[in-house]
Amino acid sequence: MALAVAMLLVKSTKLSGFYRAVYYLPSIIGSSVAVAILWKRMFASDGVVNALLGLVGLPSDLAWLGRADTAIWTLIILAIWQFGSSMLIFLSGLKQIPVSLYEAATVDGANGIQRFFKITIPMLTPTIFFNLINQLINGFMAFTQSYIITQGKPRDTTLFYTVYMYQNSFTYNKLGYGCAMAWFMVFVVGMLTLVLFKTQKKWVHYEAEG
């Protein structure tokens, strides 16, 4: 999603700066408690989302946060809304790709899809790798959205690892178990990060390496 938006905003127009700022703003405030409470109210049975659905003739009595098949999607949408920082990083990477490469490919008869997969993606692999590491760590650290909006309900479909760790530590007073879960998360994140670093030579292409 962040790369798709960056591709749309890479061309400079009179309003491109405004659009970039609008898309980046949620990433600054998106993880705050206030935004989580606002999001909870928006997807409530009497919230603005159901009201908008009712205006266009769609079912407007959906319990978004009370159904196992829709609760997680409210958190996914919130996460997508927060991709502003990744978008700016992708945007910076796109601007570093030499225009001459696209011009040469166009002269050789390459279409837009071919230029994307043969030039854009390979040249962006360092940026993709950087964003992948950041999003991997942020994904394991996700807490506020689930704890404030759904409390892991319904039927534990939105029970993030960090929320479960918090519940065991401070709700059920199982501090030892919670500490073990924290160390296990550090171990898993460390191992996954190590795997990414070990495998980057196979798919990450640095310009300095030719």
N, C-alpha and C. Protein backbone atom coordinates (compact mmCIF):
# COMPACT_ATOMS: atom_id res chain seq x y z
N MET A 1 0.83 -1.21 0.00
CA MET A 1 0.00 0.00 0.00
C MET A 1 0.86 1.25 0.00
N ALA A 2 1.91 1.26 0.81
CA ALA A 2 2.79 2.42 0.88
C ALA A 2 3.51 2.64 -0.45
N LEU A 3 3.95 1.56 -1.09
CA LEU A 3 4.62 1.68 -2.38
C LEU A 3 3.66 2.16 -3.45
N ALA A 4 2.42 1.67 -3.43
CA ALA A 4 1.43 2.10 -4.41
C ALA A 4 1.16 3.60 -4.31
N VAL A 5 1.02 4.09 -3.09
CA VAL A 5 0.78 5.52 -2.89
C VAL A 5 2.00 6.33 -3.31
N ALA A 6 3.20 5.82 -2.98
CA ALA A 6 4.43 6.51 -3.37
C ALA A 6 4.55 6.61 -4.89
N MET A 7 4.13 5.56 -5.60
CA MET A 7 4.16 5.59 -7.06
C MET A 7 3.22 6.67 -7.61
N LEU A 8 2.09 6.86 -6.92
CA LEU A 8 1.14 7.88 -7.36
C LEU A 8 1.64 9.29 -7.08
N LEU A 9 2.42 9.46 -6.02
CA LEU A 9 2.85 10.79 -5.60
C LEU A 9 4.26 11.15 -6.05
N VAL A 10 4.91 10.27 -6.81
CA VAL A 10 6.30 10.53 -7.19
C VAL A 10 6.41 11.69 -8.17
N LYS A 11 5.38 11.89 -8.98
CA LYS A 11 5.39 13.02 -9.92
C LYS A 11 5.02 14.30 -9.19
N SER A 12 5.83 15.32 -9.35
CA SER A 12 5.61 16.59 -8.65
C SER A 12 4.52 17.40 -9.35
N THR A 13 3.52 17.77 -8.59
CA THR A 13 2.46 18.65 -9.06
C THR A 13 2.26 19.76 -8.03
N LYS A 14 1.32 20.65 -8.30
CA LYS A 14 1.08 21.74 -7.38
C LYS A 14 0.55 21.25 -6.03
N LEU A 15 -0.17 20.14 -6.04
CA LEU A 15 -0.77 19.62 -4.81
C LEU A 15 -0.04 18.40 -4.26
N SER A 16 1.06 17.98 -4.88
CA SER A 16 1.74 16.77 -4.42
C SER A 16 2.27 16.93 -3.00
N GLY A 17 2.78 18.11 -2.66
CA GLY A 17 3.26 18.35 -1.29
C GLY A 17 2.14 18.23 -0.28
N PHE A 18 0.95 18.73 -0.64
CA PHE A 18 -0.21 18.64 0.25
C PHE A 18 -0.63 17.20 0.45
N TYR A 19 -0.70 16.43 -0.65
CA TYR A 19 -1.10 15.03 -0.55
C TYR A 19 -0.10 14.23 0.29
N ARG A 20 1.18 14.50 0.13
CA ARG A 20 2.19 13.78 0.91
C ARG A 20 2.04 14.08 2.39
N ALA A 21 1.78 15.34 2.71
CA ALA A 21 1.61 15.72 4.11
C ALA A 21 0.36 15.07 4.71
N VAL A 22 -0.72 15.04 3.93
CA VAL A 22 -1.97 14.45 4.41
C VAL A 22 -1.80 12.97 4.68
N TYR A 23 -1.05 12.29 3.80
CA TYR A 23 -0.87 10.84 3.98
C TYR A 23 0.13 10.53 5.08
N TYR A 24 1.07 11.45 5.33
CA TYR A 24 2.08 11.19 6.35
C TYR A 24 1.56 11.51 7.75
N LEU A 25 0.63 12.44 7.86
CA LEU A 25 0.13 12.88 9.17
C LEU A 25 -0.38 11.73 10.04
N PRO A 26 -1.17 10.78 9.50
CA PRO A 26 -1.66 9.69 10.37
C PRO A 26 -0.57 8.84 10.98
N SER A 27 0.59 8.73 10.31
CA SER A 27 1.66 7.91 10.87
C SER A 27 2.25 8.56 12.12
N ILE A 28 2.07 9.87 12.28
CA ILE A 28 2.57 10.57 13.47
C ILE A 28 1.63 10.36 14.64
N ILE A 29 0.33 10.43 14.38
CA ILE A 29 -0.66 10.37 15.46
C ILE A 29 -1.40 9.04 15.51
N GLY A 30 -1.13 8.13 14.54
CA GLY A 30 -1.93 6.93 14.39
C GLY A 30 -1.86 5.96 15.55
N SER A 31 -0.75 5.93 16.28
CA SER A 31 -0.62 4.96 17.37
C SER A 31 -1.03 5.53 18.72
N SER A 32 -1.59 6.73 18.74
CA SER A 32 -1.95 7.35 19.99
C SER A 32 -3.26 6.76 20.52
N VAL A 33 -3.46 6.92 21.83
CA VAL A 33 -4.68 6.43 22.47
C VAL A 33 -5.90 7.18 21.94
N ALA A 34 -5.75 8.49 21.71
CA ALA A 34 -6.88 9.30 21.24
C ALA A 34 -7.39 8.80 19.89
N VAL A 35 -6.48 8.48 18.98
CA VAL A 35 -6.89 7.99 17.67
C VAL A 35 -7.54 6.61 17.81
N ALA A 36 -7.03 5.77 18.69
CA ALA A 36 -7.62 4.45 18.90
C ALA A 36 -9.06 4.58 19.41
N ILE A 37 -9.30 5.52 20.33
CA ILE A 37 -10.65 5.74 20.85
C ILE A 37 -11.56 6.27 19.74
N LEU A 38 -11.02 7.20 18.93
CA LEU A 38 -11.79 7.72 17.80
C LEU A 38 -12.14 6.60 16.82
N TRP A 39 -11.18 5.73 16.54
CA TRP A 39 -11.41 4.62 15.62
C TRP A 39 -12.48 3.67 16.17
N LYS A 40 -12.46 3.46 17.47
CA LYS A 40 -13.46 2.60 18.11
C LYS A 40 -14.85 3.18 17.95
N ARG A 41 -14.97 4.50 18.10
CA ARG A 41 -16.27 5.14 17.95
C ARG A 41 -16.73 5.12 16.49
N MET A 42 -15.79 5.27 15.56
CA MET A 42 -16.16 5.27 14.14
C MET A 42 -16.77 3.95 13.72
N PHE A 43 -16.23 2.83 14.26
CA PHE A 43 -16.71 1.51 13.86
C PHE A 43 -17.72 0.93 14.85
N ALA A 44 -18.22 1.73 15.75
CA ALA A 44 -19.27 1.27 16.65
C ALA A 44 -20.58 1.07 15.88
N SER A 45 -21.54 0.40 16.49
CA SER A 45 -22.81 0.14 15.80
C SER A 45 -23.50 1.42 15.39
N ASP A 46 -23.35 2.48 16.21
CA ASP A 46 -23.95 3.77 15.88
C ASP A 46 -22.90 4.77 15.42
N GLY A 47 -21.79 4.27 14.88
CA GLY A 47 -20.69 5.13 14.47
C GLY A 47 -20.85 5.68 13.06
N VAL A 48 -19.86 6.45 12.67
CA VAL A 48 -19.93 7.15 11.39
C VAL A 48 -19.83 6.19 10.21
N VAL A 49 -19.13 5.06 10.36
CA VAL A 49 -19.00 4.11 9.25
C VAL A 49 -20.35 3.53 8.88
N ASN A 50 -21.12 3.08 9.86
CA ASN A 50 -22.46 2.56 9.59
C ASN A 50 -23.38 3.65 9.06
N ALA A 51 -23.19 4.88 9.55
CA ALA A 51 -24.01 5.99 9.07
C ALA A 51 -23.76 6.25 7.58
N LEU A 52 -22.48 6.19 7.18
CA LEU A 52 -22.15 6.39 5.77
C LEU A 52 -22.69 5.25 4.91
N LEU A 53 -22.62 4.02 5.42
CA LEU A 53 -23.18 2.89 4.68
C LEU A 53 -24.68 3.03 4.51
N GLY A 54 -25.35 3.55 5.54
CA GLY A 54 -26.79 3.76 5.45
C GLY A 54 -27.15 4.80 4.41
N LEU A 55 -26.30 5.81 4.23
CA LEU A 55 -26.58 6.86 3.24
C LEU A 55 -26.56 6.35 1.82
N VAL A 56 -25.77 5.32 1.57
CA VAL A 56 -25.68 4.77 0.20
C VAL A 56 -26.53 3.51 0.04
N GLY A 57 -27.38 3.23 1.01
CA GLY A 57 -28.31 2.12 0.89
C GLY A 57 -27.77 0.76 1.27
N LEU A 58 -26.63 0.70 1.93
CA LEU A 58 -26.05 -0.56 2.36
C LEU A 58 -26.45 -0.85 3.81
N PRO A 59 -26.31 -2.09 4.26
CA PRO A 59 -26.65 -2.41 5.67
C PRO A 59 -25.88 -1.52 6.64
N SER A 60 -26.59 -0.91 7.55
CA SER A 60 -25.97 0.06 8.45
C SER A 60 -26.05 -0.37 9.91
N ASP A 61 -26.28 -1.65 10.15
CA ASP A 61 -26.37 -2.14 11.53
C ASP A 61 -25.28 -3.17 11.83
N LEU A 62 -24.16 -3.07 11.14
CA LEU A 62 -23.08 -4.05 11.31
C LEU A 62 -22.34 -3.80 12.61
N ALA A 63 -22.08 -4.86 13.34
CA ALA A 63 -21.28 -4.78 14.57
C ALA A 63 -19.83 -5.07 14.21
N TRP A 64 -19.14 -4.07 13.70
CA TRP A 64 -17.79 -4.26 13.18
C TRP A 64 -16.85 -4.84 14.23
N LEU A 65 -16.94 -4.33 15.45
CA LEU A 65 -16.02 -4.74 16.50
C LEU A 65 -16.51 -5.96 17.28
N GLY A 66 -17.72 -6.40 17.01
CA GLY A 66 -18.28 -7.52 17.74
C GLY A 66 -18.32 -8.82 16.96
N ARG A 67 -17.91 -8.78 15.70
CA ARG A 67 -17.94 -9.97 14.86
C ARG A 67 -16.51 -10.45 14.60
N ALA A 68 -16.33 -11.75 14.67
CA ALA A 68 -14.98 -12.32 14.50
C ALA A 68 -14.43 -12.11 13.10
N ASP A 69 -15.31 -12.00 12.10
CA ASP A 69 -14.84 -11.88 10.73
C ASP A 69 -14.61 -10.44 10.29
N THR A 70 -14.97 -9.47 11.12
CA THR A 70 -14.77 -8.07 10.73
C THR A 70 -13.90 -7.29 11.72
N ALA A 71 -13.78 -7.75 12.95
CA ALA A 71 -13.04 -6.98 13.96
C ALA A 71 -11.59 -6.77 13.55
N ILE A 72 -10.93 -7.82 13.05
CA ILE A 72 -9.52 -7.71 12.69
C ILE A 72 -9.33 -6.74 11.53
N TRP A 73 -10.34 -6.66 10.66
CA TRP A 73 -10.21 -5.77 9.49
C TRP A 73 -10.24 -4.30 9.90
N THR A 74 -10.92 -3.97 10.97
CA THR A 74 -10.89 -2.58 11.44
C THR A 74 -9.47 -2.19 11.86
N LEU A 75 -8.73 -3.14 12.46
CA LEU A 75 -7.35 -2.87 12.85
C LEU A 75 -6.42 -2.86 11.65
N ILE A 76 -6.71 -3.70 10.65
CA ILE A 76 -5.91 -3.70 9.43
C ILE A 76 -6.04 -2.37 8.70
N ILE A 77 -7.27 -1.86 8.61
CA ILE A 77 -7.49 -0.57 7.95
C ILE A 77 -6.75 0.53 8.68
N LEU A 78 -6.76 0.49 10.00
CA LEU A 78 -6.02 1.48 10.78
C LEU A 78 -4.53 1.38 10.50
N ALA A 79 -4.01 0.15 10.38
CA ALA A 79 -2.58 -0.02 10.08
C ALA A 79 -2.24 0.52 8.70
N ILE A 80 -3.11 0.29 7.71
CA ILE A 80 -2.87 0.83 6.37
C ILE A 80 -2.89 2.34 6.41
N TRP A 81 -3.75 2.91 7.22
CA TRP A 81 -3.85 4.36 7.34
C TRP A 81 -2.57 4.97 7.91
N GLN A 82 -1.75 4.15 8.56
CA GLN A 82 -0.54 4.65 9.22
C GLN A 82 0.71 4.42 8.38
N PHE A 83 0.58 4.09 7.10
CA PHE A 83 1.75 3.76 6.29
C PHE A 83 2.46 4.99 5.73
N GLY A 84 2.23 6.16 6.31
CA GLY A 84 2.82 7.38 5.78
C GLY A 84 4.33 7.40 5.82
N SER A 85 4.93 6.92 6.91
CA SER A 85 6.39 6.94 7.00
C SER A 85 7.02 6.01 5.97
N SER A 86 6.44 4.82 5.78
CA SER A 86 6.94 3.90 4.76
C SER A 86 6.77 4.51 3.37
N MET A 87 5.67 5.22 3.16
CA MET A 87 5.43 5.85 1.88
C MET A 87 6.51 6.89 1.56
N LEU A 88 6.88 7.70 2.56
CA LEU A 88 7.91 8.72 2.33
C LEU A 88 9.26 8.09 2.03
N ILE A 89 9.57 6.97 2.69
CA ILE A 89 10.83 6.27 2.43
C ILE A 89 10.84 5.70 1.02
N PHE A 90 9.72 5.11 0.60
CA PHE A 90 9.61 4.61 -0.77
C PHE A 90 9.70 5.76 -1.77
N LEU A 91 9.08 6.87 -1.43
CA LEU A 91 9.10 8.04 -2.32
C LEU A 91 10.52 8.55 -2.50
N SER A 92 11.29 8.58 -1.41
CA SER A 92 12.68 8.99 -1.50
C SER A 92 13.48 8.02 -2.36
N GLY A 93 13.21 6.71 -2.21
CA GLY A 93 13.90 5.72 -3.02
C GLY A 93 13.58 5.83 -4.49
N LEU A 94 12.30 6.12 -4.80
CA LEU A 94 11.89 6.27 -6.20
C LEU A 94 12.58 7.45 -6.86
N LYS A 95 12.77 8.53 -6.10
CA LYS A 95 13.41 9.71 -6.66
C LYS A 95 14.90 9.51 -6.90
N GLN A 96 15.50 8.47 -6.28
CA GLN A 96 16.92 8.20 -6.48
C GLN A 96 17.18 7.33 -7.71
N ILE A 97 16.15 6.79 -8.32
CA ILE A 97 16.32 5.95 -9.52
C ILE A 97 16.61 6.86 -10.71
N PRO A 98 17.70 6.67 -11.42
CA PRO A 98 18.04 7.53 -12.56
C PRO A 98 16.96 7.48 -13.64
N VAL A 99 16.55 8.64 -14.11
CA VAL A 99 15.55 8.72 -15.17
C VAL A 99 16.07 8.09 -16.46
N SER A 100 17.39 8.14 -16.64
CA SER A 100 17.99 7.58 -17.86
C SER A 100 17.68 6.10 -18.03
N LEU A 101 17.52 5.38 -16.92
CA LEU A 101 17.19 3.96 -17.01
C LEU A 101 15.81 3.76 -17.64
N TYR A 102 14.85 4.57 -17.22
CA TYR A 102 13.51 4.46 -17.79
C TYR A 102 13.51 4.89 -19.25
N GLU A 103 14.27 5.92 -19.57
CA GLU A 103 14.33 6.39 -20.96
C GLU A 103 14.93 5.32 -21.86
N ALA A 104 15.99 4.69 -21.39
CA ALA A 104 16.62 3.63 -22.19
C ALA A 104 15.68 2.44 -22.37
N ALA A 105 14.96 2.09 -21.31
CA ALA A 105 14.02 0.97 -21.40
C ALA A 105 12.87 1.29 -22.35
N THR A 106 12.41 2.54 -22.34
CA THR A 106 11.33 2.96 -23.24
C THR A 106 11.78 2.88 -24.70
N VAL A 107 13.01 3.32 -24.94
CA VAL A 107 13.57 3.24 -26.30
C VAL A 107 13.66 1.79 -26.77
N ASP A 108 13.97 0.88 -25.84
CA ASP A 108 14.08 -0.54 -26.17
C ASP A 108 12.71 -1.22 -26.31
N GLY A 109 11.63 -0.47 -26.04
CA GLY A 109 10.29 -1.01 -26.23
C GLY A 109 9.65 -1.59 -25.00
N ALA A 110 10.21 -1.34 -23.82
CA ALA A 110 9.62 -1.87 -22.58
C ALA A 110 8.36 -1.09 -22.21
N ASN A 111 7.32 -1.81 -21.80
CA ASN A 111 6.10 -1.13 -21.36
C ASN A 111 6.18 -0.80 -19.88
N GLY A 112 5.09 -0.24 -19.35
CA GLY A 112 5.10 0.20 -17.96
C GLY A 112 5.30 -0.93 -16.96
N ILE A 113 4.65 -2.07 -17.21
CA ILE A 113 4.79 -3.21 -16.30
C ILE A 113 6.22 -3.74 -16.32
N GLN A 114 6.81 -3.82 -17.50
CA GLN A 114 8.19 -4.31 -17.62
C GLN A 114 9.17 -3.36 -16.93
N ARG A 115 8.94 -2.05 -17.10
CA ARG A 115 9.82 -1.08 -16.43
C ARG A 115 9.69 -1.19 -14.92
N PHE A 116 8.47 -1.46 -14.43
CA PHE A 116 8.26 -1.58 -12.98
C PHE A 116 9.02 -2.77 -12.40
N PHE A 117 8.90 -3.92 -13.05
CA PHE A 117 9.51 -5.13 -12.50
C PHE A 117 11.00 -5.28 -12.85
N LYS A 118 11.44 -4.66 -13.92
CA LYS A 118 12.84 -4.79 -14.33
C LYS A 118 13.73 -3.65 -13.85
N ILE A 119 13.12 -2.50 -13.53
CA ILE A 119 13.92 -1.34 -13.10
C ILE A 119 13.51 -0.89 -11.70
N THR A 120 12.22 -0.57 -11.52
CA THR A 120 11.77 0.01 -10.25
C THR A 120 12.01 -0.93 -9.07
N ILE A 121 11.51 -2.14 -9.17
CA ILE A 121 11.63 -3.09 -8.06
C ILE A 121 13.09 -3.41 -7.75
N PRO A 122 13.93 -3.79 -8.74
CA PRO A 122 15.34 -4.06 -8.41
C PRO A 122 16.06 -2.87 -7.79
N MET A 123 15.80 -1.67 -8.29
CA MET A 123 16.46 -0.48 -7.74
C MET A 123 15.93 -0.11 -6.37
N LEU A 124 14.73 -0.58 -6.06
CA LEU A 124 14.11 -0.25 -4.76
C LEU A 124 14.38 -1.31 -3.69
N THR A 125 15.05 -2.39 -4.05
CA THR A 125 15.22 -3.48 -3.07
C THR A 125 15.91 -3.03 -1.77
N PRO A 126 16.90 -2.13 -1.79
CA PRO A 126 17.43 -1.66 -0.50
C PRO A 126 16.38 -0.96 0.36
N THR A 127 15.52 -0.16 -0.30
CA THR A 127 14.45 0.52 0.42
C THR A 127 13.41 -0.47 0.92
N ILE A 128 13.08 -1.46 0.09
CA ILE A 128 12.13 -2.50 0.50
C ILE A 128 12.68 -3.26 1.71
N PHE A 129 13.96 -3.55 1.67
CA PHE A 129 14.60 -4.27 2.78
C PHE A 129 14.53 -3.45 4.07
N PHE A 130 14.81 -2.16 3.98
CA PHE A 130 14.77 -1.28 5.15
C PHE A 130 13.35 -1.21 5.71
N ASN A 131 12.36 -1.02 4.84
CA ASN A 131 10.97 -0.95 5.30
C ASN A 131 10.50 -2.29 5.86
N LEU A 132 10.99 -3.39 5.27
CA LEU A 132 10.60 -4.71 5.75
C LEU A 132 11.07 -4.93 7.18
N ILE A 133 12.30 -4.53 7.48
CA ILE A 133 12.82 -4.67 8.84
C ILE A 133 11.99 -3.83 9.81
N ASN A 134 11.73 -2.58 9.43
CA ASN A 134 10.97 -1.69 10.31
C ASN A 134 9.55 -2.21 10.56
N GLN A 135 8.88 -2.65 9.50
CA GLN A 135 7.50 -3.11 9.65
C GLN A 135 7.43 -4.44 10.40
N LEU A 136 8.46 -5.26 10.25
CA LEU A 136 8.51 -6.51 11.00
C LEU A 136 8.54 -6.23 12.51
N ILE A 137 9.41 -5.32 12.90
CA ILE A 137 9.54 -4.97 14.32
C ILE A 137 8.26 -4.29 14.82
N ASN A 138 7.74 -3.35 14.02
CA ASN A 138 6.52 -2.64 14.42
C ASN A 138 5.33 -3.60 14.53
N GLY A 139 5.30 -4.61 13.66
CA GLY A 139 4.21 -5.57 13.71
C GLY A 139 4.19 -6.35 15.02
N PHE A 140 5.36 -6.76 15.48
CA PHE A 140 5.43 -7.49 16.74
C PHE A 140 5.13 -6.57 17.93
N MET A 141 5.39 -5.28 17.77
CA MET A 141 5.19 -4.34 18.87
C MET A 141 3.77 -3.76 18.92
N ALA A 142 2.93 -4.12 17.95
CA ALA A 142 1.58 -3.56 17.90
C ALA A 142 0.84 -3.87 19.20
N PHE A 143 0.30 -2.84 19.83
CA PHE A 143 -0.36 -3.02 21.13
C PHE A 143 -1.58 -2.12 21.29
N THR A 144 -1.39 -0.81 21.09
CA THR A 144 -2.43 0.16 21.43
C THR A 144 -3.73 -0.12 20.68
N GLN A 145 -3.63 -0.44 19.38
CA GLN A 145 -4.84 -0.62 18.58
C GLN A 145 -5.72 -1.72 19.16
N SER A 146 -5.12 -2.87 19.42
CA SER A 146 -5.91 -3.99 19.94
C SER A 146 -6.39 -3.75 21.36
N TYR A 147 -5.52 -3.21 22.20
CA TYR A 147 -5.86 -3.05 23.62
C TYR A 147 -6.97 -2.02 23.81
N ILE A 148 -6.95 -0.93 23.05
CA ILE A 148 -7.95 0.12 23.23
C ILE A 148 -9.23 -0.18 22.47
N ILE A 149 -9.10 -0.66 21.23
CA ILE A 149 -10.27 -0.78 20.37
C ILE A 149 -11.06 -2.06 20.64
N THR A 150 -10.39 -3.19 20.75
CA THR A 150 -11.11 -4.47 20.86
C THR A 150 -10.78 -5.27 22.10
N GLN A 151 -9.71 -4.94 22.81
CA GLN A 151 -9.26 -5.72 23.96
C GLN A 151 -9.04 -7.21 23.61
N GLY A 152 -8.69 -7.46 22.36
CA GLY A 152 -8.47 -8.83 21.92
C GLY A 152 -9.72 -9.58 21.52
N LYS A 153 -10.87 -8.99 21.69
CA LYS A 153 -12.14 -9.64 21.38
C LYS A 153 -12.48 -9.40 19.90
N PRO A 154 -13.48 -10.10 19.35
CA PRO A 154 -14.24 -11.21 19.95
C PRO A 154 -13.53 -12.55 19.76
N ARG A 155 -13.65 -13.40 20.72
CA ARG A 155 -13.08 -14.76 20.71
C ARG A 155 -11.58 -14.74 20.38
N ASP A 156 -10.89 -13.76 20.90
CA ASP A 156 -9.43 -13.65 20.77
C ASP A 156 -8.96 -13.48 19.33
N THR A 157 -9.84 -13.06 18.42
CA THR A 157 -9.43 -12.89 17.02
C THR A 157 -8.53 -11.68 16.83
N THR A 158 -8.53 -10.75 17.77
CA THR A 158 -7.64 -9.58 17.68
C THR A 158 -6.69 -9.52 18.86
N LEU A 159 -6.46 -10.66 19.47
CA LEU A 159 -5.57 -10.70 20.64
C LEU A 159 -4.12 -10.73 20.17
N PHE A 160 -3.51 -9.57 20.06
CA PHE A 160 -2.12 -9.49 19.63
C PHE A 160 -1.21 -10.07 20.71
N TYR A 161 -0.04 -10.48 20.29
CA TYR A 161 0.91 -11.09 21.22
C TYR A 161 1.22 -10.16 22.38
N THR A 162 1.45 -8.87 22.07
CA THR A 162 1.80 -7.92 23.13
C THR A 162 0.65 -7.71 24.11
N VAL A 163 -0.59 -7.77 23.61
CA VAL A 163 -1.75 -7.61 24.49
C VAL A 163 -1.86 -8.82 25.41
N TYR A 164 -1.65 -10.01 24.87
CA TYR A 164 -1.68 -11.22 25.69
C TYR A 164 -0.57 -11.20 26.73
N MET A 165 0.59 -10.70 26.34
CA MET A 165 1.71 -10.57 27.28
C MET A 165 1.37 -9.58 28.39
N TYR A 166 0.73 -8.48 28.03
CA TYR A 166 0.33 -7.48 29.03
C TYR A 166 -0.71 -8.05 29.99
N GLN A 167 -1.68 -8.78 29.44
CA GLN A 167 -2.73 -9.36 30.29
C GLN A 167 -2.15 -10.33 31.30
N ASN A 168 -1.23 -11.17 30.86
CA ASN A 168 -0.62 -12.13 31.78
C ASN A 168 0.22 -11.44 32.84
N SER A 169 0.89 -10.37 32.47
CA SER A 169 1.79 -9.69 33.39
C SER A 169 1.04 -8.86 34.42
N PHE A 170 0.04 -8.08 33.96
CA PHE A 170 -0.56 -7.07 34.83
C PHE A 170 -2.03 -7.33 35.17
N THR A 171 -2.72 -8.14 34.38
CA THR A 171 -4.11 -8.47 34.71
C THR A 171 -4.19 -9.74 35.54
N TYR A 172 -3.44 -10.76 35.13
CA TYR A 172 -3.45 -12.03 35.85
C TYR A 172 -2.28 -12.17 36.82
N ASN A 173 -1.44 -11.13 36.88
CA ASN A 173 -0.28 -11.09 37.80
C ASN A 173 0.68 -12.26 37.60
N LYS A 174 0.80 -12.73 36.37
CA LYS A 174 1.78 -13.77 36.04
C LYS A 174 3.03 -13.10 35.48
N LEU A 175 3.76 -12.41 36.34
CA LEU A 175 4.89 -11.61 35.89
C LEU A 175 5.99 -12.48 35.29
N GLY A 176 6.23 -13.64 35.86
CA GLY A 176 7.26 -14.52 35.32
C GLY A 176 6.91 -15.00 33.92
N TYR A 177 5.64 -15.36 33.73
CA TYR A 177 5.19 -15.83 32.42
C TYR A 177 5.26 -14.69 31.39
N GLY A 178 4.84 -13.50 31.83
CA GLY A 178 4.90 -12.34 30.94
C GLY A 178 6.32 -11.98 30.56
N CYS A 179 7.24 -12.08 31.53
CA CYS A 179 8.66 -11.81 31.24
C CYS A 179 9.21 -12.82 30.24
N ALA A 180 8.82 -14.09 30.41
CA ALA A 180 9.27 -15.13 29.48
C ALA A 180 8.74 -14.87 28.07
N MET A 181 7.48 -14.41 27.99
CA MET A 181 6.92 -14.08 26.69
C MET A 181 7.66 -12.93 26.03
N ALA A 182 8.06 -11.94 26.84
CA ALA A 182 8.80 -10.79 26.30
C ALA A 182 10.15 -11.23 25.73
N TRP A 183 10.86 -12.07 26.47
CA TRP A 183 12.15 -12.56 25.99
C TRP A 183 11.99 -13.43 24.76
N PHE A 184 10.89 -14.22 24.71
CA PHE A 184 10.64 -15.05 23.54
C PHE A 184 10.38 -14.18 22.31
N MET A 185 9.65 -13.08 22.50
CA MET A 185 9.39 -12.17 21.38
C MET A 185 10.69 -11.55 20.89
N VAL A 186 11.56 -11.14 21.82
CA VAL A 186 12.86 -10.59 21.43
C VAL A 186 13.65 -11.62 20.62
N PHE A 187 13.61 -12.87 21.06
CA PHE A 187 14.33 -13.94 20.37
C PHE A 187 13.78 -14.14 18.95
N VAL A 188 12.45 -14.20 18.83
CA VAL A 188 11.83 -14.43 17.51
C VAL A 188 12.14 -13.27 16.57
N VAL A 189 11.98 -12.03 17.05
CA VAL A 189 12.28 -10.87 16.21
C VAL A 189 13.74 -10.87 15.80
N GLY A 190 14.62 -11.21 16.74
CA GLY A 190 16.04 -11.26 16.43
C GLY A 190 16.37 -12.31 15.38
N MET A 191 15.74 -13.49 15.48
CA MET A 191 15.99 -14.56 14.53
C MET A 191 15.46 -14.20 13.14
N LEU A 192 14.26 -13.62 13.08
CA LEU A 192 13.71 -13.23 11.79
C LEU A 192 14.54 -12.13 11.15
N THR A 193 14.99 -11.18 11.96
CA THR A 193 15.86 -10.12 11.43
C THR A 193 17.16 -10.69 10.92
N LEU A 194 17.72 -11.65 11.65
CA LEU A 194 18.96 -12.29 11.23
C LEU A 194 18.78 -13.02 9.90
N VAL A 195 17.64 -13.71 9.74
CA VAL A 195 17.37 -14.41 8.48
C VAL A 195 17.28 -13.42 7.32
N LEU A 196 16.62 -12.29 7.56
CA LEU A 196 16.51 -11.28 6.50
C LEU A 196 17.88 -10.74 6.11
N PHE A 197 18.73 -10.48 7.10
CA PHE A 197 20.07 -9.98 6.80
C PHE A 197 20.91 -11.02 6.08
N LYS A 198 20.74 -12.29 6.44
CA LYS A 198 21.52 -13.35 5.82
C LYS A 198 21.09 -13.61 4.37
N THR A 199 19.81 -13.37 4.08
CA THR A 199 19.30 -13.65 2.74
C THR A 199 19.26 -12.43 1.84
N GLN A 200 19.64 -11.26 2.35
CA GLN A 200 19.52 -10.06 1.54
C GLN A 200 20.43 -10.08 0.31
N LYS A 201 21.56 -10.80 0.37
CA LYS A 201 22.46 -10.85 -0.77
C LYS A 201 21.83 -11.50 -1.99
N LYS A 202 20.77 -12.29 -1.76
CA LYS A 202 20.12 -12.99 -2.87
C LYS A 202 19.08 -12.15 -3.58
N TRP A 203 18.60 -11.08 -2.92
CA TRP A 203 17.54 -10.31 -3.57
C TRP A 203 17.66 -8.79 -3.42
N VAL A 204 18.58 -8.32 -2.58
CA VAL A 204 18.78 -6.88 -2.43
C VAL A 204 19.96 -6.47 -3.30
N HIS A 205 19.73 -5.50 -4.17
CA HIS A 205 20.76 -5.07 -5.12
C HIS A 205 21.19 -3.64 -4.78
N TYR A 206 22.42 -3.48 -4.36
CA TYR A 206 22.96 -2.16 -4.03
C TYR A 206 23.68 -1.60 -5.24
N GLU A 207 23.43 -0.32 -5.51
CA GLU A 207 24.03 0.32 -6.67
C GLU A 207 25.55 0.32 -6.61
N ALA A 208 26.11 0.47 -5.39
CA ALA A 208 27.57 0.52 -5.24
C ALA A 208 28.22 -0.80 -5.60
N GLU A 209 27.44 -1.89 -5.54
CA GLU A 209 27.98 -3.20 -5.86
C GLU A 209 27.89 -3.53 -7.35
N GLY A 210 27.35 -2.59 -8.10
CA GLY A 210 27.20 -2.80 -9.53
C GLY A 210 26.01 -3.66 -9.86
